[in-house]
Amino acid sequence: MSLYSDPDVGEKAGYYDGWLAEEDELGPVFEYTGAGKSGDQTFDGVAGAGNRAIVRHAEQDRVLRVFTRVGKLPGSGTKTHRYLGAFTLDGVQPYVWRRVHGEDGKERNVIVFRLRPDGAVQHATQDVIPAAEQTTAEFVPFHGIVTASMFQSDPASSGALPLPKQSVSKGGSSHKPAPNAETSGTFVVPEGFSTKLSLRAATAATIAVRHEAELTQAYKARLDAAGHQTGAFQIKVKGLTSTLRTDLYDATNHVLYEAKGSNSREDVRAALGKILDCSRYVKSSDHEGEPKRVILLPAAPDPDMYTLLDQYDVGVVYRSDDGHFVGDSVPVAA
């Protein structure tokens, strides 16, 4: 399956593609924006057929081959492209939602696929996303749970359409970040994606992400029932090409939540580090200072973890055996 990127068209449409300068433990990531040049992008219907095809590429045993436009043939409008190589979707986080300003100046949500090299690829300097020139943080709507399985079920029940025969063309991308373009939180259950992780590690990561997604959605429903305004913060940090995102933000009470799929010591420590990092950038015109910081867990952590969290003024909300949420920050339902 061929994916074509056009920097000029993408910049006008409010999105961009390229390599992240920051690599993680699995190596480099190439961001590729989904199909749809105006309005919110989607996985549904005819408009979302190309995006569904990308999500289902592993299930269909298809390789993602990425090309970027480099010019036009002399005397014609025919575009020329440079082949970057074969890719596969990231096994833990296949895509995120990004909030951008489109060509018409209106904000919209686009799908940004996270691609991993599948063999030798071209990693040229000109294909690296430029670093953010300033630090920005934007409050955006919360995106609910999205699972790969919804695209793998029977077409009659999932609304899936036949896959395109060979290629997906989205009309471009850009090497320059759109002003105030931010990544919105999304929760993904990647099923059937290849990864450099071992099968056991990949399975554990998949289960953890699923649990985190379900937990966050359930707690958001509790906040909604109490009449609270909820969303997420998308953060661009000066000097970085990647985007930070928060799991859940309660705008009514100015509370930032970081969710984890387990109550293990490792997850609690990871959540502590992330929430301390992100909370510095979360500002509200309705509230003074930094938000209250709370870690959201599927069960109570070890007792000594409370001591650690207390040292950093971080609270805990967890789900009890009967399904109720426990913690000082849990609102009373309206």
C-alpha atoms as a PDB file:
ATOM      1  CA  MET A   1       0.000   0.000   0.000  1.00  0.00           C
ATOM      2  CA  SER A   2       1.574   3.271  -1.123  1.00  0.00           C
ATOM      3  CA  LEU A   3       1.298   6.420   0.997  1.00  0.00           C
ATOM      4  CA  TYR A   4       2.045   9.745  -0.682  1.00  0.00           C
ATOM      5  CA  SER A   5       3.081  12.881   1.171  1.00  0.00           C
ATOM      6  CA  ASP A   6       2.989  16.362  -0.377  1.00  0.00           C
ATOM      7  CA  PRO A   7       4.546  19.071   1.837  1.00  0.00           C
ATOM      8  CA  ASP A   8       2.978  22.019  -0.011  1.00  0.00           C
ATOM      9  CA  VAL A   9      -0.574  20.692   0.076  1.00  0.00           C
ATOM     10  CA  GLY A  10      -0.198  19.516   3.648  1.00  0.00           C
ATOM     11  CA  GLU A  11       0.947  22.891   4.903  1.00  0.00           C
ATOM     12  CA  LYS A  12      -2.141  24.553   3.410  1.00  0.00           C
ATOM     13  CA  ALA A  13      -4.406  21.902   4.934  1.00  0.00           C
ATOM     14  CA  GLY A  14      -2.899  22.367   8.388  1.00  0.00           C
ATOM     15  CA  TYR A  15      -0.816  19.225   8.854  1.00  0.00           C
ATOM     16  CA  TYR A  16       2.671  17.924   8.244  1.00  0.00           C
ATOM     17  CA  ASP A  17       4.586  14.677   7.980  1.00  0.00           C
ATOM     18  CA  GLY A  18       8.128  13.658   8.788  1.00  0.00           C
ATOM     19  CA  TRP A  19      10.528  11.982  11.161  1.00  0.00           C
ATOM     20  CA  LEU A  20      10.423  12.861  14.840  1.00  0.00           C
ATOM     21  CA  ALA A  21      13.856  13.995  15.977  1.00  0.00           C
ATOM     22  CA  GLU A  22      13.270  12.267  19.312  1.00  0.00           C
ATOM     23  CA  GLU A  23      13.531   8.475  19.215  1.00  0.00           C
ATOM     24  CA  ASP A  24      12.082   6.179  21.862  1.00  0.00           C
ATOM     25  CA  GLU A  25      13.197   2.754  23.067  1.00  0.00           C
ATOM     26  CA  LEU A  26      11.920   1.191  19.833  1.00  0.00           C
ATOM     27  CA  GLY A  27      13.758   3.610  17.573  1.00  0.00           C
ATOM     28  CA  PRO A  28      12.612   6.255  15.065  1.00  0.00           C
ATOM     29  CA  VAL A  29       9.021   7.257  14.281  1.00  0.00           C
ATOM     30  CA  PHE A  30       7.717   8.748  11.031  1.00  0.00           C
ATOM     31  CA  GLU A  31       4.467  10.700  11.381  1.00  0.00           C
ATOM     32  CA  TYR A  32       2.061  10.442   8.451  1.00  0.00           C
ATOM     33  CA  THR A  33      -1.213  12.365   8.423  1.00  0.00           C
ATOM     34  CA  GLY A  34      -4.392  10.618   7.327  1.00  0.00           C
ATOM     35  CA  ALA A  35      -6.736  11.385   4.431  1.00  0.00           C
ATOM     36  CA  GLY A  36      -9.006  14.431   4.420  1.00  0.00           C
ATOM     37  CA  LYS A  37      -8.032  18.004   3.524  1.00  0.00           C
ATOM     38  CA  SER A  38     -10.941  19.822   5.192  1.00  0.00           C
ATOM     39  CA  GLY A  39     -13.052  19.243   8.281  1.00  0.00           C
ATOM     40  CA  ASP A  40     -12.363  16.533  10.831  1.00  0.00           C
ATOM     41  CA  GLN A  41     -10.723  13.404   9.482  1.00  0.00           C
ATOM     42  CA  THR A  42     -12.460  10.120  10.139  1.00  0.00           C
ATOM     43  CA  PHE A  43     -12.311   6.339   9.943  1.00  0.00           C
ATOM     44  CA  ASP A  44     -15.991   6.134   8.975  1.00  0.00           C
ATOM     45  CA  GLY A  45     -17.749   5.893   5.632  1.00  0.00           C
ATOM     46  CA  VAL A  46     -16.281   6.694   2.242  1.00  0.00           C
ATOM     47  CA  ALA A  47     -14.180   9.558   3.619  1.00  0.00           C
ATOM     48  CA  GLY A  48     -12.482   7.225   6.086  1.00  0.00           C
ATOM     49  CA  ALA A  49     -11.834   4.302   3.737  1.00  0.00           C
ATOM     50  CA  GLY A  50      -8.176   5.175   3.199  1.00  0.00           C
ATOM     51  CA  ASN A  51      -7.557   5.671   6.905  1.00  0.00           C
ATOM     52  CA  ARG A  52      -9.200   2.330   7.707  1.00  0.00           C
ATOM     53  CA  ALA A  53      -6.988   0.705   5.097  1.00  0.00           C
ATOM     54  CA  ILE A  54      -3.873   1.939   6.873  1.00  0.00           C
ATOM     55  CA  VAL A  55      -5.107   0.668  10.246  1.00  0.00           C
ATOM     56  CA  ARG A  56      -5.846  -2.734   8.710  1.00  0.00           C
ATOM     57  CA  HIS A  57      -2.606  -3.111   6.766  1.00  0.00           C
ATOM     58  CA  ALA A  58      -1.135  -5.768   9.084  1.00  0.00           C
ATOM     59  CA  GLU A  59      -4.380  -7.729   9.145  1.00  0.00           C
ATOM     60  CA  GLN A  60      -4.373  -7.685   5.338  1.00  0.00           C
ATOM     61  CA  ASP A  61      -0.655  -8.599   5.203  1.00  0.00           C
ATOM     62  CA  ARG A  62       0.166  -5.384   3.338  1.00  0.00           C
ATOM     63  CA  VAL A  63       3.297  -3.258   3.610  1.00  0.00           C
ATOM     64  CA  LEU A  64       3.086   0.525   3.930  1.00  0.00           C
ATOM     65  CA  ARG A  65       5.412   2.141   1.378  1.00  0.00           C
ATOM     66  CA  VAL A  66       5.966   5.854   1.910  1.00  0.00           C
ATOM     67  CA  PHE A  67       6.770   8.399  -0.802  1.00  0.00           C
ATOM     68  CA  THR A  68       7.322  12.140  -0.422  1.00  0.00           C
ATOM     69  CA  ARG A  69       6.884  14.676  -3.236  1.00  0.00           C
ATOM     70  CA  VAL A  70      10.071  16.342  -4.435  1.00  0.00           C
ATOM     71  CA  GLY A  71       8.903  18.293  -7.494  1.00  0.00           C
ATOM     72  CA  LYS A  72       7.232  18.081 -10.896  1.00  0.00           C
ATOM     73  CA  LEU A  73       8.281  16.864 -14.308  1.00  0.00           C
ATOM     74  CA  PRO A  74       9.439  19.789 -16.494  1.00  0.00           C
ATOM     75  CA  GLY A  75       6.641  21.190 -18.627  1.00  0.00           C
ATOM     76  CA  SER A  76       3.901  19.234 -16.877  1.00  0.00           C
ATOM     77  CA  GLY A  77       1.911  19.048 -13.685  1.00  0.00           C
ATOM     78  CA  THR A  78       3.019  15.497 -12.979  1.00  0.00           C
ATOM     79  CA  LYS A  79       4.462  15.228  -9.483  1.00  0.00           C
ATOM     80  CA  THR A  80       7.682  13.376  -8.759  1.00  0.00           C
ATOM     81  CA  HIS A  81       8.284  11.510  -5.516  1.00  0.00           C
ATOM     82  CA  ARG A  82      11.170  10.100  -3.514  1.00  0.00           C
ATOM     83  CA  TYR A  83      10.747   6.642  -1.990  1.00  0.00           C
ATOM     84  CA  LEU A  84      11.501   6.515   1.736  1.00  0.00           C
ATOM     85  CA  GLY A  85      10.991   2.805   2.319  1.00  0.00           C
ATOM     86  CA  ALA A  86       8.676   0.230   3.880  1.00  0.00           C
ATOM     87  CA  PHE A  87       6.947   0.888   7.191  1.00  0.00           C
ATOM     88  CA  THR A  88       4.503  -0.645   9.640  1.00  0.00           C
ATOM     89  CA  LEU A  89       2.251   0.965  12.242  1.00  0.00           C
ATOM     90  CA  ASP A  90       3.669   1.291  15.725  1.00  0.00           C
ATOM     91  CA  GLY A  91       2.524  -1.700  17.744  1.00  0.00           C
ATOM     92  CA  VAL A  92       1.715   0.175  20.949  1.00  0.00           C
ATOM     93  CA  GLN A  93       0.412   3.520  19.680  1.00  0.00           C
ATOM     94  CA  PRO A  94      -0.531   3.248  15.989  1.00  0.00           C
ATOM     95  CA  TYR A  95      -1.871   6.786  15.748  1.00  0.00           C
ATOM     96  CA  VAL A  96      -2.873   9.898  17.646  1.00  0.00           C
ATOM     97  CA  TRP A  97      -5.317  12.704  16.973  1.00  0.00           C
ATOM     98  CA  ARG A  98      -3.900  16.136  16.292  1.00  0.00           C
ATOM     99  CA  ARG A  99      -5.784  19.418  16.431  1.00  0.00           C
ATOM    100  CA  VAL A 100      -4.698  21.821  13.689  1.00  0.00           C
ATOM    101  CA  HIS A 101      -5.807  24.963  11.894  1.00  0.00           C
ATOM    102  CA  GLY A 102      -6.943  24.160   8.356  1.00  0.00           C
ATOM    103  CA  GLU A 103      -6.583  26.181   5.177  1.00  0.00           C
ATOM    104  CA  ASP A 104      -9.845  27.977   5.966  1.00  0.00           C
ATOM    105  CA  GLY A 105      -8.547  28.966   9.403  1.00  0.00           C
ATOM    106  CA  LYS A 106     -10.953  26.663  11.219  1.00  0.00           C
ATOM    107  CA  GLU A 107      -9.712  24.154  13.780  1.00  0.00           C
ATOM    108  CA  ARG A 108     -10.062  20.507  12.889  1.00  0.00           C
ATOM    109  CA  ASN A 109      -8.927  17.094  14.090  1.00  0.00           C
ATOM    110  CA  VAL A 110      -6.620  14.998  11.940  1.00  0.00           C
ATOM    111  CA  ILE A 111      -5.315  11.452  12.302  1.00  0.00           C
ATOM    112  CA  VAL A 112      -1.544  11.160  12.613  1.00  0.00           C
ATOM    113  CA  PHE A 113      -0.247   7.643  12.016  1.00  0.00           C
ATOM    114  CA  ARG A 114       2.952   6.623  13.794  1.00  0.00           C
ATOM    115  CA  LEU A 115       5.030   4.553  11.388  1.00  0.00           C
ATOM    116  CA  ARG A 116       8.021   2.366  12.248  1.00  0.00           C
ATOM    117  CA  PRO A 117      10.666   1.381   9.661  1.00  0.00           C
ATOM    118  CA  ASP A 118      10.244  -2.139   8.340  1.00  0.00           C
ATOM    119  CA  GLY A 119      13.779  -2.706   7.122  1.00  0.00           C
ATOM    120  CA  ALA A 120      16.129  -0.164   5.553  1.00  0.00           C
ATOM    121  CA  VAL A 121      14.587   3.274   4.990  1.00  0.00           C
ATOM    122  CA  GLN A 122      15.765   6.712   3.879  1.00  0.00           C
ATOM    123  CA  HIS A 123      16.165   9.013   6.873  1.00  0.00           C
ATOM    124  CA  ALA A 124      17.155  12.343   5.316  1.00  0.00           C
ATOM    125  CA  THR A 125      17.599  15.556   7.282  1.00  0.00           C
ATOM    126  CA  GLN A 126      15.053  17.401   5.140  1.00  0.00           C
ATOM    127  CA  ASP A 127      12.399  14.882   6.177  1.00  0.00           C
ATOM    128  CA  VAL A 128      12.730  15.598   9.913  1.00  0.00           C
ATOM    129  CA  ILE A 129       9.904  17.658  11.423  1.00  0.00           C
ATOM    130  CA  PRO A 130      11.208  21.066  12.559  1.00  0.00           C
ATOM    131  CA  ALA A 131      11.341  21.659  16.293  1.00  0.00           C
ATOM    132  CA  ALA A 132       8.718  23.858  17.924  1.00  0.00           C
ATOM    133  CA  GLU A 133       9.796  27.494  18.068  1.00  0.00           C
ATOM    134  CA  GLN A 134       7.938  28.126  21.307  1.00  0.00           C
ATOM    135  CA  THR A 135       6.183  26.182  24.030  1.00  0.00           C
ATOM    136  CA  THR A 136       2.396  26.076  23.698  1.00  0.00           C
ATOM    137  CA  ALA A 137      -0.368  24.228  25.522  1.00  0.00           C
ATOM    138  CA  GLU A 138      -3.933  24.007  24.257  1.00  0.00           C
ATOM    139  CA  PHE A 139      -7.086  22.644  25.864  1.00  0.00           C
ATOM    140  CA  VAL A 140      -8.891  20.427  23.361  1.00  0.00           C
ATOM    141  CA  PRO A 141     -11.854  18.049  23.381  1.00  0.00           C
ATOM    142  CA  PHE A 142     -11.341  14.558  24.744  1.00  0.00           C
ATOM    143  CA  HIS A 143     -11.203  11.723  22.203  1.00  0.00           C
ATOM    144  CA  GLY A 144     -12.726   8.483  23.382  1.00  0.00           C
ATOM    145  CA  ILE A 145     -11.569   4.922  23.075  1.00  0.00           C
ATOM    146  CA  VAL A 146     -10.743   3.810  19.551  1.00  0.00           C
ATOM    147  CA  THR A 147      -9.827   0.185  18.937  1.00  0.00           C
ATOM    148  CA  ALA A 148      -8.308  -1.547  15.966  1.00  0.00           C
ATOM    149  CA  SER A 149     -10.850  -4.346  16.350  1.00  0.00           C
ATOM    150  CA  MET A 150     -13.633  -2.061  15.140  1.00  0.00           C
ATOM    151  CA  PHE A 151     -11.958  -2.166  11.737  1.00  0.00           C
ATOM    152  CA  GLN A 152     -11.421  -5.926  11.800  1.00  0.00           C
ATOM    153  CA  SER A 153     -14.991  -7.065  12.378  1.00  0.00           C
ATOM    154  CA  ASP A 154     -17.594  -7.962   9.818  1.00  0.00           C
ATOM    155  CA  PRO A 155     -18.113  -5.066   7.356  1.00  0.00           C
ATOM    156  CA  ALA A 156     -21.855  -5.206   7.885  1.00  0.00           C
ATOM    157  CA  SER A 157     -21.455  -4.395  11.557  1.00  0.00           C
ATOM    158  CA  SER A 158     -18.396  -2.163  11.438  1.00  0.00           C
ATOM    159  CA  GLY A 159     -19.264  -0.053   8.432  1.00  0.00           C
ATOM    160  CA  ALA A 160     -16.000  -1.029   6.783  1.00  0.00           C
ATOM    161  CA  LEU A 161     -15.666  -0.676   3.032  1.00  0.00           C
ATOM    162  CA  PRO A 162     -13.486  -2.629   0.584  1.00  0.00           C
ATOM    163  CA  LEU A 163      -9.858  -1.573   0.784  1.00  0.00           C
ATOM    164  CA  PRO A 164      -8.308   0.539  -1.972  1.00  0.00           C
ATOM    165  CA  LYS A 165      -6.420  -1.643  -4.416  1.00  0.00           C
ATOM    166  CA  GLN A 166      -2.960  -0.140  -4.140  1.00  0.00           C
ATOM    167  CA  SER A 167      -2.508   3.307  -2.700  1.00  0.00           C
ATOM    168  CA  VAL A 168      -3.762   5.945  -0.351  1.00  0.00           C
ATOM    169  CA  SER A 169      -3.250   9.585  -1.351  1.00  0.00           C
ATOM    170  CA  LYS A 170      -4.238  12.197   1.155  1.00  0.00           C
ATOM    171  CA  GLY A 171      -3.223  15.261  -0.773  1.00  0.00           C
ATOM    172  CA  GLY A 172      -0.140  16.053   1.146  1.00  0.00           C
ATOM    173  CA  SER A 173       1.686  16.888   4.287  1.00  0.00           C
ATOM    174  CA  SER A 174       4.163  19.476   5.436  1.00  0.00           C
ATOM    175  CA  HIS A 175       7.618  19.637   6.919  1.00  0.00           C
ATOM    176  CA  LYS A 176       6.588  22.788   8.819  1.00  0.00           C
ATOM    177  CA  PRO A 177       4.353  22.598  11.873  1.00  0.00           C
ATOM    178  CA  ALA A 178       1.027  24.353  11.543  1.00  0.00           C
ATOM    179  CA  PRO A 179       0.575  27.195  14.053  1.00  0.00           C
ATOM    180  CA  ASN A 180      -0.766  25.876  17.340  1.00  0.00           C
ATOM    181  CA  ALA A 181      -1.000  22.341  15.949  1.00  0.00           C
ATOM    182  CA  GLU A 182      -1.417  20.049  18.898  1.00  0.00           C
ATOM    183  CA  THR A 183      -1.768  16.346  19.499  1.00  0.00           C
ATOM    184  CA  SER A 184      -4.987  15.379  21.209  1.00  0.00           C
ATOM    185  CA  GLY A 185      -5.190  12.441  23.528  1.00  0.00           C
ATOM    186  CA  THR A 186      -6.518   9.228  22.092  1.00  0.00           C
ATOM    187  CA  PHE A 187      -6.641   5.758  23.528  1.00  0.00           C
ATOM    188  CA  VAL A 188      -5.780   2.933  21.181  1.00  0.00           C
ATOM    189  CA  VAL A 189      -6.013  -0.815  21.495  1.00  0.00           C
ATOM    190  CA  PRO A 190      -3.576  -2.039  18.838  1.00  0.00           C
ATOM    191  CA  GLU A 191      -4.533  -5.552  17.787  1.00  0.00           C
ATOM    192  CA  GLY A 192      -2.617  -7.396  15.110  1.00  0.00           C
ATOM    193  CA  PHE A 193       0.159  -4.844  14.533  1.00  0.00           C
ATOM    194  CA  SER A 194       3.766  -5.958  14.105  1.00  0.00           C
ATOM    195  CA  THR A 195       6.322  -4.531  16.520  1.00  0.00           C
ATOM    196  CA  LYS A 196       9.938  -4.848  17.566  1.00  0.00           C
ATOM    197  CA  LEU A 197       8.774  -5.838  21.017  1.00  0.00           C
ATOM    198  CA  SER A 198       8.745  -9.517  21.873  1.00  0.00           C
ATOM    199  CA  LEU A 199       5.333 -11.166  21.621  1.00  0.00           C
ATOM    200  CA  ARG A 200       5.062 -11.329  25.394  1.00  0.00           C
ATOM    201  CA  ALA A 201       6.019  -7.671  25.835  1.00  0.00           C
ATOM    202  CA  ALA A 202       3.746  -6.578  22.995  1.00  0.00           C
ATOM    203  CA  THR A 203       0.837  -8.489  24.501  1.00  0.00           C
ATOM    204  CA  ALA A 204       1.468  -6.922  27.896  1.00  0.00           C
ATOM    205  CA  ALA A 205       1.634  -3.452  26.345  1.00  0.00           C
ATOM    206  CA  THR A 206      -1.596  -4.051  24.448  1.00  0.00           C
ATOM    207  CA  ILE A 207      -3.422  -5.191  27.574  1.00  0.00           C
ATOM    208  CA  ALA A 208      -2.094  -2.237  29.575  1.00  0.00           C
ATOM    209  CA  VAL A 209      -3.205   0.263  26.940  1.00  0.00           C
ATOM    210  CA  ARG A 210      -6.638  -1.352  26.767  1.00  0.00           C
ATOM    211  CA  HIS A 211      -7.046  -1.193  30.543  1.00  0.00           C
ATOM    212  CA  GLU A 212      -5.886   2.421  30.591  1.00  0.00           C
ATOM    213  CA  ALA A 213      -8.327   3.324  27.838  1.00  0.00           C
ATOM    214  CA  GLU A 214     -11.302   1.679  29.508  1.00  0.00           C
ATOM    215  CA  LEU A 215     -10.405   3.157  32.902  1.00  0.00           C
ATOM    216  CA  THR A 216     -10.079   6.676  31.527  1.00  0.00           C
ATOM    217  CA  GLN A 217     -13.333   6.457  29.603  1.00  0.00           C
ATOM    218  CA  ALA A 218     -15.169   5.191  32.679  1.00  0.00           C
ATOM    219  CA  TYR A 219     -13.834   7.952  34.890  1.00  0.00           C
ATOM    220  CA  LYS A 220     -14.592  10.592  32.269  1.00  0.00           C
ATOM    221  CA  ALA A 221     -18.189   9.333  32.293  1.00  0.00           C
ATOM    222  CA  ARG A 222     -18.218   9.879  36.062  1.00  0.00           C
ATOM    223  CA  LEU A 223     -17.003  13.451  35.634  1.00  0.00           C
ATOM    224  CA  ASP A 224     -19.544  14.071  32.880  1.00  0.00           C
ATOM    225  CA  ALA A 225     -22.338  12.741  35.093  1.00  0.00           C
ATOM    226  CA  ALA A 226     -21.326  15.286  37.718  1.00  0.00           C
ATOM    227  CA  GLY A 227     -21.654  18.062  35.151  1.00  0.00           C
ATOM    228  CA  HIS A 228     -17.930  18.695  34.804  1.00  0.00           C
ATOM    229  CA  GLN A 229     -16.268  19.946  31.634  1.00  0.00           C
ATOM    230  CA  THR A 230     -13.584  17.523  30.511  1.00  0.00           C
ATOM    231  CA  GLY A 231     -10.935  17.465  27.839  1.00  0.00           C
ATOM    232  CA  ALA A 232      -7.191  17.099  27.422  1.00  0.00           C
ATOM    233  CA  PHE A 233      -4.133  19.267  26.964  1.00  0.00           C
ATOM    234  CA  GLN A 234      -1.834  19.044  23.943  1.00  0.00           C
ATOM    235  CA  ILE A 235       1.605  20.469  24.546  1.00  0.00           C
ATOM    236  CA  LYS A 236       4.383  21.494  22.183  1.00  0.00           C
ATOM    237  CA  VAL A 237       7.692  22.143  23.906  1.00  0.00           C
ATOM    238  CA  LYS A 238      10.226  24.553  22.443  1.00  0.00           C
ATOM    239  CA  GLY A 239      13.040  22.643  20.785  1.00  0.00           C
ATOM    240  CA  LEU A 240      11.126  19.356  20.428  1.00  0.00           C
ATOM    241  CA  THR A 241       9.417  17.884  17.371  1.00  0.00           C
ATOM    242  CA  SER A 242       7.180  15.500  19.301  1.00  0.00           C
ATOM    243  CA  THR A 243       4.003  16.483  21.134  1.00  0.00           C
ATOM    244  CA  LEU A 244       3.133  15.782  24.752  1.00  0.00           C
ATOM    245  CA  ARG A 245      -0.433  14.911  25.601  1.00  0.00           C
ATOM    246  CA  THR A 246      -2.339  14.494  28.827  1.00  0.00           C
ATOM    247  CA  ASP A 247      -4.810  11.705  29.465  1.00  0.00           C
ATOM    248  CA  LEU A 248      -7.676  13.658  31.023  1.00  0.00           C
ATOM    249  CA  TYR A 249      -8.285  17.152  32.366  1.00  0.00           C
ATOM    250  CA  ASP A 250     -11.201  18.267  34.528  1.00  0.00           C
ATOM    251  CA  ALA A 251     -11.638  21.924  33.549  1.00  0.00           C
ATOM    252  CA  THR A 252     -14.339  22.495  36.163  1.00  0.00           C
ATOM    253  CA  ASN A 253     -12.112  21.690  39.144  1.00  0.00           C
ATOM    254  CA  HIS A 254      -8.730  22.265  37.466  1.00  0.00           C
ATOM    255  CA  VAL A 255      -7.546  18.687  37.963  1.00  0.00           C
ATOM    256  CA  LEU A 256      -5.067  16.911  35.700  1.00  0.00           C
ATOM    257  CA  TYR A 257      -5.266  13.107  35.562  1.00  0.00           C
ATOM    258  CA  GLU A 258      -2.649  10.638  34.400  1.00  0.00           C
ATOM    259  CA  ALA A 259      -4.069   7.142  33.899  1.00  0.00           C
ATOM    260  CA  LYS A 260      -2.276   3.810  34.011  1.00  0.00           C
ATOM    261  CA  GLY A 261      -3.454   0.342  33.085  1.00  0.00           C
ATOM    262  CA  SER A 262      -2.120  -1.269  36.256  1.00  0.00           C
ATOM    263  CA  ASN A 263      -1.337  -0.298  39.846  1.00  0.00           C
ATOM    264  CA  SER A 264       2.205  -1.679  39.723  1.00  0.00           C
ATOM    265  CA  ARG A 265       5.089   0.259  41.218  1.00  0.00           C
ATOM    266  CA  GLU A 266       6.553   0.720  37.753  1.00  0.00           C
ATOM    267  CA  ASP A 267       3.354   2.267  36.407  1.00  0.00           C
ATOM    268  CA  VAL A 268       2.887   4.506  39.441  1.00  0.00           C
ATOM    269  CA  ARG A 269       6.446   5.817  39.086  1.00  0.00           C
ATOM    270  CA  ALA A 270       5.953   6.390  35.356  1.00  0.00           C
ATOM    271  CA  ALA A 271       2.683   8.212  35.985  1.00  0.00           C
ATOM    272  CA  LEU A 272       4.323  10.386  38.630  1.00  0.00           C
ATOM    273  CA  GLY A 273       7.070  11.485  36.268  1.00  0.00           C
ATOM    274  CA  LYS A 274       4.700  12.300  33.437  1.00  0.00           C
ATOM    275  CA  ILE A 275       2.173  14.231  35.493  1.00  0.00           C
ATOM    276  CA  LEU A 276       4.913  16.334  37.105  1.00  0.00           C
ATOM    277  CA  ASP A 277       6.250  17.088  33.636  1.00  0.00           C
ATOM    278  CA  CYS A 278       2.961  17.953  31.937  1.00  0.00           C
ATOM    279  CA  SER A 279       1.301  19.825  34.793  1.00  0.00           C
ATOM    280  CA  ARG A 280       3.846  22.650  34.467  1.00  0.00           C
ATOM    281  CA  TYR A 281       2.247  23.678  31.180  1.00  0.00           C
ATOM    282  CA  VAL A 282      -1.434  23.347  32.087  1.00  0.00           C
ATOM    283  CA  LYS A 283      -2.925  26.799  32.611  1.00  0.00           C
ATOM    284  CA  SER A 284      -6.503  27.980  33.000  1.00  0.00           C
ATOM    285  CA  SER A 285      -7.968  31.477  32.907  1.00  0.00           C
ATOM    286  CA  ASP A 286     -10.575  30.313  35.419  1.00  0.00           C
ATOM    287  CA  HIS A 287      -8.110  28.963  37.982  1.00  0.00           C
ATOM    288  CA  GLU A 288      -4.868  30.183  39.491  1.00  0.00           C
ATOM    289  CA  GLY A 289      -1.654  28.205  39.486  1.00  0.00           C
ATOM    290  CA  GLU A 290      -0.941  24.680  38.360  1.00  0.00           C
ATOM    291  CA  PRO A 291      -3.716  22.078  38.403  1.00  0.00           C
ATOM    292  CA  LYS A 292      -4.236  19.528  41.115  1.00  0.00           C
ATOM    293  CA  ARG A 293      -2.371  16.376  40.054  1.00  0.00           C
ATOM    294  CA  VAL A 294      -4.045  12.977  40.355  1.00  0.00           C
ATOM    295  CA  ILE A 295      -3.019   9.516  39.166  1.00  0.00           C
ATOM    296  CA  LEU A 296      -5.893   7.321  37.966  1.00  0.00           C
ATOM    297  CA  LEU A 297      -5.432   3.588  38.651  1.00  0.00           C
ATOM    298  CA  PRO A 298      -7.506   0.405  38.217  1.00  0.00           C
ATOM    299  CA  ALA A 299      -6.840  -0.592  41.851  1.00  0.00           C
ATOM    300  CA  ALA A 300      -5.254   0.877  44.967  1.00  0.00           C
ATOM    301  CA  PRO A 301      -1.450   1.113  44.801  1.00  0.00           C
ATOM    302  CA  ASP A 302       0.912  -0.292  47.417  1.00  0.00           C
ATOM    303  CA  PRO A 303       0.655   1.679  50.689  1.00  0.00           C
ATOM    304  CA  ASP A 304       4.190   3.037  50.467  1.00  0.00           C
ATOM    305  CA  MET A 305       3.408   4.510  47.049  1.00  0.00           C
ATOM    306  CA  TYR A 306       1.043   6.913  48.783  1.00  0.00           C
ATOM    307  CA  THR A 307       4.010   8.166  50.795  1.00  0.00           C
ATOM    308  CA  LEU A 308       5.970   8.799  47.619  1.00  0.00           C
ATOM    309  CA  LEU A 309       3.075  10.582  45.919  1.00  0.00           C
ATOM    310  CA  ASP A 310       2.400  12.705  48.997  1.00  0.00           C
ATOM    311  CA  GLN A 311       5.943  14.050  48.795  1.00  0.00           C
ATOM    312  CA  TYR A 312       5.083  15.538  45.393  1.00  0.00           C
ATOM    313  CA  ASP A 313       1.517  16.572  46.266  1.00  0.00           C
ATOM    314  CA  VAL A 314       0.026  14.052  43.833  1.00  0.00           C
ATOM    315  CA  GLY A 315      -3.275  12.374  44.658  1.00  0.00           C
ATOM    316  CA  VAL A 316      -4.759   9.011  43.707  1.00  0.00           C
ATOM    317  CA  VAL A 317      -8.120   7.907  42.363  1.00  0.00           C
ATOM    318  CA  TYR A 318      -8.632   4.174  41.932  1.00  0.00           C
ATOM    319  CA  ARG A 319     -11.460   1.823  41.055  1.00  0.00           C
ATOM    320  CA  SER A 320     -12.612  -0.451  43.857  1.00  0.00           C
ATOM    321  CA  ASP A 321     -13.665  -4.073  43.497  1.00  0.00           C
ATOM    322  CA  ASP A 322     -17.309  -3.031  43.187  1.00  0.00           C
ATOM    323  CA  GLY A 323     -16.491  -0.698  40.282  1.00  0.00           C
ATOM    324  CA  HIS A 324     -16.793   2.580  42.176  1.00  0.00           C
ATOM    325  CA  PHE A 325     -14.079   5.204  42.067  1.00  0.00           C
ATOM    326  CA  VAL A 326     -12.342   6.073  45.332  1.00  0.00           C
ATOM    327  CA  GLY A 327     -10.376   9.237  46.067  1.00  0.00           C
ATOM    328  CA  ASP A 328     -10.650  12.808  47.289  1.00  0.00           C
ATOM    329  CA  SER A 329     -11.017  14.150  43.736  1.00  0.00           C
ATOM    330  CA  VAL A 330     -13.980  11.948  42.789  1.00  0.00           C
ATOM    331  CA  PRO A 331     -16.989  14.246  42.255  1.00  0.00           C
ATOM    332  CA  VAL A 332     -20.482  13.547  43.480  1.00  0.00           C
ATOM    333  CA  ALA A 333     -22.793  12.695  40.589  1.00  0.00           C
ATOM    334  CA  ALA A 334     -25.329  15.388  39.765  1.00  0.00           C
END
